[in-house]
Structures are given as C-alpha cells and as structure tokens.
Amino acid sequence: MTVHTNDTTNTTVRPNALDQELTLAVLHEIRDELREFNKDMDHLNTLTEDQVKSTVENRKLTAITLMFVIPSTFAAIPGANFEHLNEYGFDNFFALPILIGTVLLASLGTFLVVRKKGWL
C-alpha cells in the first residue's frame, strides 16, 4: 500500500502480521455467519414449502367436503320419510326428480367453481 504525503516522497507502508491475522479472523467470522445464515434460510425455505403443500391439501379437502355438504343439505328436506311429503309441498310426482336434479346441478356447479379456482 502506498501512502502519499504532502511532500513529494512516496512512503510504502506494509501491514504487519498482527493486522493480517486480525483481518483474516474477521473474514472467517463473516464467512461463518454467512454460512449459518444460509442454513437458516434453507430451513425457512423448507418450512415454507411444507406450508404450501399443507395449504394445497387443505383446499382439496375443503372442496371435497363442500361437494358433499350441498347434496346432504338437499337430502335433509325429504329425508323425514313421509309418505307424500305434503308438509314440504312434495305432493307432486315431479317433486323428487326436481329435487334430485337440483342436488346434481348444485354439486356440479360447486365442482366447476372449485375446479376453476384450482383447488382440485
């Protein structure tokens, strides 16, 4: 290293061995800290990937549950096993096919919405 002074002479200053060892020790410490930081980031990345997998699995389970809840709700209406279902206004011959059709359409609609969102 060259040090310029106000006079026109150039003075060369060489760092002594103690300064070099101190610099080397600091650099080793920085290297070790960066390695530890890298390990921590790898661990955090692994945790994040596991959380993403868990979220995807939960979405699938939610979608499947939703597709079974809607038919169950419709099935609860005539599920009382009455002969003519007059209490619910199902004295018509077409009432049960309409109910089953509604259940199927609701389930299909739910499936399509869930599929469009990418949950399945």
N, C-alpha and C. Protein backbone atom coordinates (compact mmCIF):
# COMPACT_ATOMS: atom_id res chain seq x y z
N MET A 1 0.85 -1.16 0.00
CA MET A 1 0.00 0.00 0.00
C MET A 1 0.90 1.23 0.00
N THR A 2 0.54 2.20 -0.78
CA THR A 2 1.35 3.40 -0.90
C THR A 2 0.62 4.57 -0.28
N VAL A 3 1.29 5.32 0.54
CA VAL A 3 0.71 6.48 1.19
C VAL A 3 1.36 7.72 0.61
N HIS A 4 0.52 8.63 0.17
CA HIS A 4 1.04 9.89 -0.39
C HIS A 4 0.98 10.96 0.71
N THR A 5 2.06 11.64 0.88
CA THR A 5 2.11 12.73 1.84
C THR A 5 2.20 14.05 1.10
N ASN A 6 2.19 15.12 1.84
CA ASN A 6 2.25 16.44 1.21
C ASN A 6 3.58 16.68 0.50
N ASP A 7 4.61 16.09 1.05
CA ASP A 7 5.86 16.26 0.32
C ASP A 7 5.88 15.27 -0.83
N THR A 8 6.75 15.36 -1.69
CA THR A 8 6.77 14.61 -2.92
C THR A 8 7.35 13.23 -2.78
N THR A 9 7.64 12.78 -1.59
CA THR A 9 8.20 11.45 -1.42
C THR A 9 7.08 10.44 -1.20
N ASN A 10 7.24 9.27 -1.74
CA ASN A 10 6.28 8.18 -1.55
C ASN A 10 6.78 7.28 -0.44
N THR A 11 5.87 6.98 0.49
CA THR A 11 6.22 6.11 1.59
C THR A 11 5.37 4.85 1.48
N THR A 12 5.99 3.70 1.51
CA THR A 12 5.28 2.44 1.43
C THR A 12 5.11 1.89 2.83
N VAL A 13 3.81 1.61 3.19
CA VAL A 13 3.52 1.06 4.50
C VAL A 13 3.04 -0.36 4.30
N ARG A 14 3.69 -1.30 4.93
CA ARG A 14 3.29 -2.69 4.81
C ARG A 14 2.59 -3.09 6.10
N PRO A 15 1.41 -3.71 5.97
CA PRO A 15 0.72 -4.13 7.19
C PRO A 15 1.50 -5.24 7.87
N ASN A 16 1.51 -5.19 9.16
CA ASN A 16 2.25 -6.21 9.88
C ASN A 16 1.43 -7.49 10.01
N ALA A 17 2.03 -8.50 10.53
CA ALA A 17 1.39 -9.82 10.62
C ALA A 17 0.18 -9.80 11.53
N LEU A 18 0.18 -8.96 12.57
CA LEU A 18 -0.94 -8.88 13.50
C LEU A 18 -2.18 -8.34 12.81
N ASP A 19 -1.99 -7.31 11.98
CA ASP A 19 -3.12 -6.76 11.23
C ASP A 19 -3.68 -7.78 10.24
N GLN A 20 -2.81 -8.52 9.61
CA GLN A 20 -3.27 -9.54 8.67
C GLN A 20 -4.05 -10.63 9.39
N GLU A 21 -3.58 -11.05 10.54
CA GLU A 21 -4.29 -12.08 11.30
C GLU A 21 -5.64 -11.58 11.77
N LEU A 22 -5.70 -10.32 12.21
CA LEU A 22 -6.96 -9.73 12.65
C LEU A 22 -7.95 -9.65 11.48
N THR A 23 -7.47 -9.22 10.34
CA THR A 23 -8.33 -9.13 9.15
C THR A 23 -8.81 -10.52 8.74
N LEU A 24 -7.91 -11.47 8.78
CA LEU A 24 -8.27 -12.84 8.42
C LEU A 24 -9.30 -13.42 9.41
N ALA A 25 -9.15 -13.12 10.69
CA ALA A 25 -10.10 -13.60 11.70
C ALA A 25 -11.48 -12.98 11.47
N VAL A 26 -11.52 -11.71 11.13
CA VAL A 26 -12.80 -11.05 10.86
C VAL A 26 -13.46 -11.66 9.62
N LEU A 27 -12.66 -11.90 8.61
CA LEU A 27 -13.21 -12.50 7.39
C LEU A 27 -13.74 -13.91 7.66
N HIS A 28 -13.04 -14.69 8.47
CA HIS A 28 -13.52 -16.02 8.83
C HIS A 28 -14.82 -15.95 9.62
N GLU A 29 -14.89 -14.97 10.51
CA GLU A 29 -16.13 -14.79 11.29
C GLU A 29 -17.30 -14.42 10.38
N ILE A 30 -17.06 -13.55 9.43
CA ILE A 30 -18.11 -13.16 8.47
C ILE A 30 -18.53 -14.37 7.65
N ARG A 31 -17.54 -15.17 7.20
CA ARG A 31 -17.85 -16.37 6.44
C ARG A 31 -18.72 -17.33 7.26
N ASP A 32 -18.38 -17.54 8.52
CA ASP A 32 -19.14 -18.44 9.37
C ASP A 32 -20.56 -17.92 9.61
N GLU A 33 -20.68 -16.62 9.80
CA GLU A 33 -22.02 -16.03 9.98
C GLU A 33 -22.86 -16.19 8.72
N LEU A 34 -22.26 -16.01 7.56
CA LEU A 34 -22.99 -16.18 6.30
C LEU A 34 -23.41 -17.64 6.09
N ARG A 35 -22.55 -18.56 6.47
CA ARG A 35 -22.92 -19.97 6.36
C ARG A 35 -24.10 -20.30 7.27
N GLU A 36 -24.07 -19.78 8.49
CA GLU A 36 -25.16 -20.00 9.44
C GLU A 36 -26.46 -19.37 8.91
N PHE A 37 -26.33 -18.17 8.36
CA PHE A 37 -27.49 -17.50 7.77
C PHE A 37 -28.06 -18.31 6.61
N ASN A 38 -27.18 -18.88 5.80
CA ASN A 38 -27.61 -19.71 4.67
C ASN A 38 -28.36 -20.94 5.16
N LYS A 39 -27.88 -21.57 6.23
CA LYS A 39 -28.56 -22.72 6.81
C LYS A 39 -29.95 -22.33 7.32
N ASP A 40 -30.02 -21.17 7.97
CA ASP A 40 -31.32 -20.70 8.47
C ASP A 40 -32.29 -20.45 7.32
N MET A 41 -31.80 -19.88 6.24
CA MET A 41 -32.66 -19.61 5.08
C MET A 41 -33.13 -20.91 4.42
N ASP A 42 -32.25 -21.90 4.36
CA ASP A 42 -32.66 -23.20 3.82
C ASP A 42 -33.73 -23.84 4.68
N HIS A 43 -33.59 -23.74 6.00
CA HIS A 43 -34.60 -24.28 6.92
C HIS A 43 -35.92 -23.55 6.74
N LEU A 44 -35.88 -22.23 6.63
CA LEU A 44 -37.09 -21.44 6.42
C LEU A 44 -37.75 -21.79 5.09
N ASN A 45 -36.95 -22.02 4.07
CA ASN A 45 -37.48 -22.40 2.77
C ASN A 45 -38.20 -23.74 2.85
N THR A 46 -37.61 -24.68 3.59
CA THR A 46 -38.24 -25.99 3.77
C THR A 46 -39.57 -25.86 4.49
N LEU A 47 -39.61 -25.04 5.54
CA LEU A 47 -40.85 -24.83 6.27
C LEU A 47 -41.92 -24.20 5.38
N THR A 48 -41.53 -23.25 4.56
CA THR A 48 -42.47 -22.59 3.66
C THR A 48 -43.02 -23.57 2.64
N GLU A 49 -42.16 -24.42 2.08
CA GLU A 49 -42.62 -25.41 1.12
C GLU A 49 -43.61 -26.38 1.77
N ASP A 50 -43.35 -26.77 3.01
CA ASP A 50 -44.27 -27.66 3.72
C ASP A 50 -45.61 -26.97 3.96
N GLN A 51 -45.60 -25.69 4.26
CA GLN A 51 -46.84 -24.97 4.48
C GLN A 51 -47.64 -24.85 3.18
N VAL A 52 -46.96 -24.66 2.08
CA VAL A 52 -47.66 -24.58 0.79
C VAL A 52 -48.31 -25.92 0.46
N LYS A 53 -47.60 -27.02 0.70
CA LYS A 53 -48.17 -28.35 0.48
C LYS A 53 -49.39 -28.57 1.36
N SER A 54 -49.30 -28.14 2.61
CA SER A 54 -50.41 -28.29 3.54
C SER A 54 -51.61 -27.46 3.09
N THR A 55 -51.36 -26.27 2.60
CA THR A 55 -52.44 -25.42 2.12
C THR A 55 -53.14 -26.05 0.92
N VAL A 56 -52.38 -26.62 0.02
CA VAL A 56 -52.97 -27.27 -1.16
C VAL A 56 -53.82 -28.46 -0.73
N GLU A 57 -53.33 -29.25 0.22
CA GLU A 57 -54.10 -30.40 0.70
C GLU A 57 -55.38 -29.94 1.39
N ASN A 58 -55.30 -28.87 2.17
CA ASN A 58 -56.49 -28.35 2.84
C ASN A 58 -57.52 -27.83 1.85
N ARG A 59 -57.08 -27.22 0.79
CA ARG A 59 -58.01 -26.75 -0.24
C ARG A 59 -58.75 -27.93 -0.89
N LYS A 60 -58.00 -28.99 -1.16
CA LYS A 60 -58.64 -30.16 -1.76
C LYS A 60 -59.68 -30.76 -0.82
N LEU A 61 -59.33 -30.89 0.45
CA LEU A 61 -60.28 -31.44 1.42
C LEU A 61 -61.50 -30.54 1.57
N THR A 62 -61.30 -29.25 1.56
CA THR A 62 -62.41 -28.30 1.65
C THR A 62 -63.32 -28.43 0.44
N ALA A 63 -62.74 -28.56 -0.74
CA ALA A 63 -63.54 -28.69 -1.95
C ALA A 63 -64.36 -29.98 -1.93
N ILE A 64 -63.75 -31.07 -1.51
CA ILE A 64 -64.47 -32.35 -1.46
C ILE A 64 -65.59 -32.27 -0.42
N THR A 65 -65.31 -31.68 0.72
CA THR A 65 -66.33 -31.52 1.75
C THR A 65 -67.48 -30.67 1.25
N LEU A 66 -67.17 -29.60 0.57
CA LEU A 66 -68.21 -28.72 0.03
C LEU A 66 -69.10 -29.45 -0.96
N MET A 67 -68.51 -30.32 -1.76
CA MET A 67 -69.32 -31.06 -2.74
C MET A 67 -70.23 -32.08 -2.07
N PHE A 68 -69.90 -32.54 -0.87
CA PHE A 68 -70.78 -33.47 -0.17
C PHE A 68 -71.78 -32.77 0.75
N VAL A 69 -71.47 -31.57 1.18
CA VAL A 69 -72.38 -30.86 2.08
C VAL A 69 -73.63 -30.39 1.34
N ILE A 70 -73.48 -29.93 0.13
CA ILE A 70 -74.64 -29.42 -0.61
C ILE A 70 -75.67 -30.53 -0.86
N PRO A 71 -75.29 -31.70 -1.35
CA PRO A 71 -76.30 -32.75 -1.50
C PRO A 71 -76.90 -33.18 -0.16
N SER A 72 -76.09 -33.17 0.87
CA SER A 72 -76.62 -33.56 2.19
C SER A 72 -77.68 -32.57 2.66
N THR A 73 -77.47 -31.31 2.37
CA THR A 73 -78.45 -30.30 2.76
C THR A 73 -79.77 -30.51 2.01
N PHE A 74 -79.69 -30.77 0.73
CA PHE A 74 -80.92 -31.02 -0.03
C PHE A 74 -81.57 -32.33 0.39
N ALA A 75 -80.76 -33.31 0.73
CA ALA A 75 -81.31 -34.60 1.12
C ALA A 75 -82.01 -34.52 2.47
N ALA A 76 -81.69 -33.55 3.27
CA ALA A 76 -82.34 -33.40 4.58
C ALA A 76 -83.79 -32.97 4.45
N ILE A 77 -84.15 -32.34 3.35
CA ILE A 77 -85.53 -31.86 3.18
C ILE A 77 -86.52 -33.03 3.10
N PRO A 78 -86.35 -33.96 2.17
CA PRO A 78 -87.33 -35.06 2.11
C PRO A 78 -86.91 -36.26 2.96
N GLY A 79 -85.87 -36.14 3.74
CA GLY A 79 -85.34 -37.27 4.47
C GLY A 79 -86.16 -37.71 5.66
N ALA A 80 -87.26 -37.10 5.89
CA ALA A 80 -88.09 -37.44 7.04
C ALA A 80 -88.93 -38.70 6.78
N ASN A 81 -88.90 -39.26 5.58
CA ASN A 81 -89.61 -40.49 5.20
C ASN A 81 -91.13 -40.39 5.35
N PHE A 82 -91.69 -39.26 4.97
CA PHE A 82 -93.14 -39.15 4.93
C PHE A 82 -93.64 -39.78 3.64
N GLU A 83 -94.85 -40.25 3.67
CA GLU A 83 -95.37 -40.96 2.51
C GLU A 83 -95.58 -40.04 1.32
N HIS A 84 -96.19 -38.89 1.56
CA HIS A 84 -96.46 -37.98 0.43
C HIS A 84 -95.70 -36.67 0.54
N LEU A 85 -95.06 -36.41 1.64
CA LEU A 85 -94.28 -35.20 1.85
C LEU A 85 -95.11 -33.93 1.66
N ASN A 86 -96.36 -33.94 2.12
CA ASN A 86 -97.23 -32.78 1.95
C ASN A 86 -96.74 -31.58 2.76
N GLU A 87 -96.04 -31.82 3.86
CA GLU A 87 -95.56 -30.72 4.67
C GLU A 87 -94.57 -29.84 3.91
N TYR A 88 -93.92 -30.41 2.96
CA TYR A 88 -92.93 -29.66 2.19
C TYR A 88 -93.45 -29.29 0.80
N GLY A 89 -94.68 -29.61 0.51
CA GLY A 89 -95.23 -29.30 -0.80
C GLY A 89 -94.81 -30.28 -1.87
N PHE A 90 -94.41 -31.52 -1.48
CA PHE A 90 -93.96 -32.50 -2.45
C PHE A 90 -95.05 -33.52 -2.76
N ASP A 91 -96.27 -33.06 -2.95
CA ASP A 91 -97.33 -33.98 -3.31
C ASP A 91 -97.37 -34.19 -4.81
N ASN A 92 -96.49 -33.55 -5.53
CA ASN A 92 -96.40 -33.65 -6.97
C ASN A 92 -95.46 -34.80 -7.34
N PHE A 93 -95.75 -35.46 -8.46
CA PHE A 93 -94.92 -36.57 -8.93
C PHE A 93 -93.52 -36.11 -9.33
N PHE A 94 -93.42 -34.88 -9.82
CA PHE A 94 -92.13 -34.38 -10.32
C PHE A 94 -91.27 -33.74 -9.23
N ALA A 95 -91.77 -33.71 -8.00
CA ALA A 95 -91.03 -33.03 -6.95
C ALA A 95 -89.69 -33.71 -6.65
N LEU A 96 -89.71 -35.02 -6.54
CA LEU A 96 -88.47 -35.73 -6.23
C LEU A 96 -87.44 -35.66 -7.36
N PRO A 97 -87.84 -35.85 -8.62
CA PRO A 97 -86.84 -35.67 -9.69
C PRO A 97 -86.30 -34.24 -9.76
N ILE A 98 -87.16 -33.26 -9.46
CA ILE A 98 -86.68 -31.87 -9.46
C ILE A 98 -85.67 -31.68 -8.34
N LEU A 99 -85.96 -32.26 -7.17
CA LEU A 99 -85.04 -32.15 -6.04
C LEU A 99 -83.71 -32.82 -6.37
N ILE A 100 -83.75 -34.00 -6.93
CA ILE A 100 -82.52 -34.72 -7.29
C ILE A 100 -81.75 -33.94 -8.37
N GLY A 101 -82.47 -33.39 -9.33
CA GLY A 101 -81.83 -32.58 -10.37
C GLY A 101 -81.16 -31.34 -9.78
N THR A 102 -81.84 -30.72 -8.82
CA THR A 102 -81.26 -29.55 -8.15
C THR A 102 -79.99 -29.93 -7.39
N VAL A 103 -80.02 -31.06 -6.72
CA VAL A 103 -78.85 -31.54 -5.99
C VAL A 103 -77.69 -31.78 -6.96
N LEU A 104 -77.99 -32.44 -8.06
CA LEU A 104 -76.93 -32.72 -9.05
C LEU A 104 -76.38 -31.44 -9.66
N LEU A 105 -77.26 -30.50 -9.99
CA LEU A 105 -76.79 -29.22 -10.56
C LEU A 105 -75.95 -28.43 -9.55
N ALA A 106 -76.39 -28.42 -8.29
CA ALA A 106 -75.62 -27.70 -7.27
C ALA A 106 -74.25 -28.35 -7.07
N SER A 107 -74.23 -29.67 -7.07
CA SER A 107 -72.94 -30.37 -6.90
C SER A 107 -72.04 -30.13 -8.10
N LEU A 108 -72.60 -30.19 -9.29
CA LEU A 108 -71.81 -29.94 -10.49
C LEU A 108 -71.31 -28.50 -10.52
N GLY A 109 -72.19 -27.57 -10.17
CA GLY A 109 -71.78 -26.16 -10.12
C GLY A 109 -70.65 -25.94 -9.12
N THR A 110 -70.78 -26.57 -7.96
CA THR A 110 -69.71 -26.46 -6.95
C THR A 110 -68.41 -27.06 -7.47
N PHE A 111 -68.51 -28.21 -8.11
CA PHE A 111 -67.33 -28.85 -8.67
C PHE A 111 -66.65 -27.95 -9.70
N LEU A 112 -67.46 -27.33 -10.58
CA LEU A 112 -66.88 -26.46 -11.61
C LEU A 112 -66.22 -25.22 -11.02
N VAL A 113 -66.86 -24.63 -10.01
CA VAL A 113 -66.27 -23.45 -9.37
C VAL A 113 -64.96 -23.82 -8.68
N VAL A 114 -64.97 -24.93 -7.98
CA VAL A 114 -63.76 -25.38 -7.28
C VAL A 114 -62.66 -25.72 -8.28
N ARG A 115 -63.04 -26.34 -9.36
CA ARG A 115 -62.05 -26.69 -10.40
C ARG A 115 -61.47 -25.44 -11.05
N LYS A 116 -62.34 -24.42 -11.27
CA LYS A 116 -61.88 -23.18 -11.88
C LYS A 116 -60.89 -22.45 -10.98
N LYS A 117 -61.12 -22.52 -9.66
CA LYS A 117 -60.22 -21.89 -8.71
C LYS A 117 -58.91 -22.66 -8.56
N GLY A 118 -58.87 -23.88 -9.06
CA GLY A 118 -57.66 -24.68 -9.00
C GLY A 118 -57.49 -25.44 -7.70
N TRP A 119 -58.57 -25.65 -6.98
CA TRP A 119 -58.49 -26.38 -5.70
C TRP A 119 -58.44 -27.88 -5.91
N LEU A 120 -58.83 -28.34 -7.08
CA LEU A 120 -58.78 -29.78 -7.38
C LEU A 120 -57.86 -30.02 -8.55
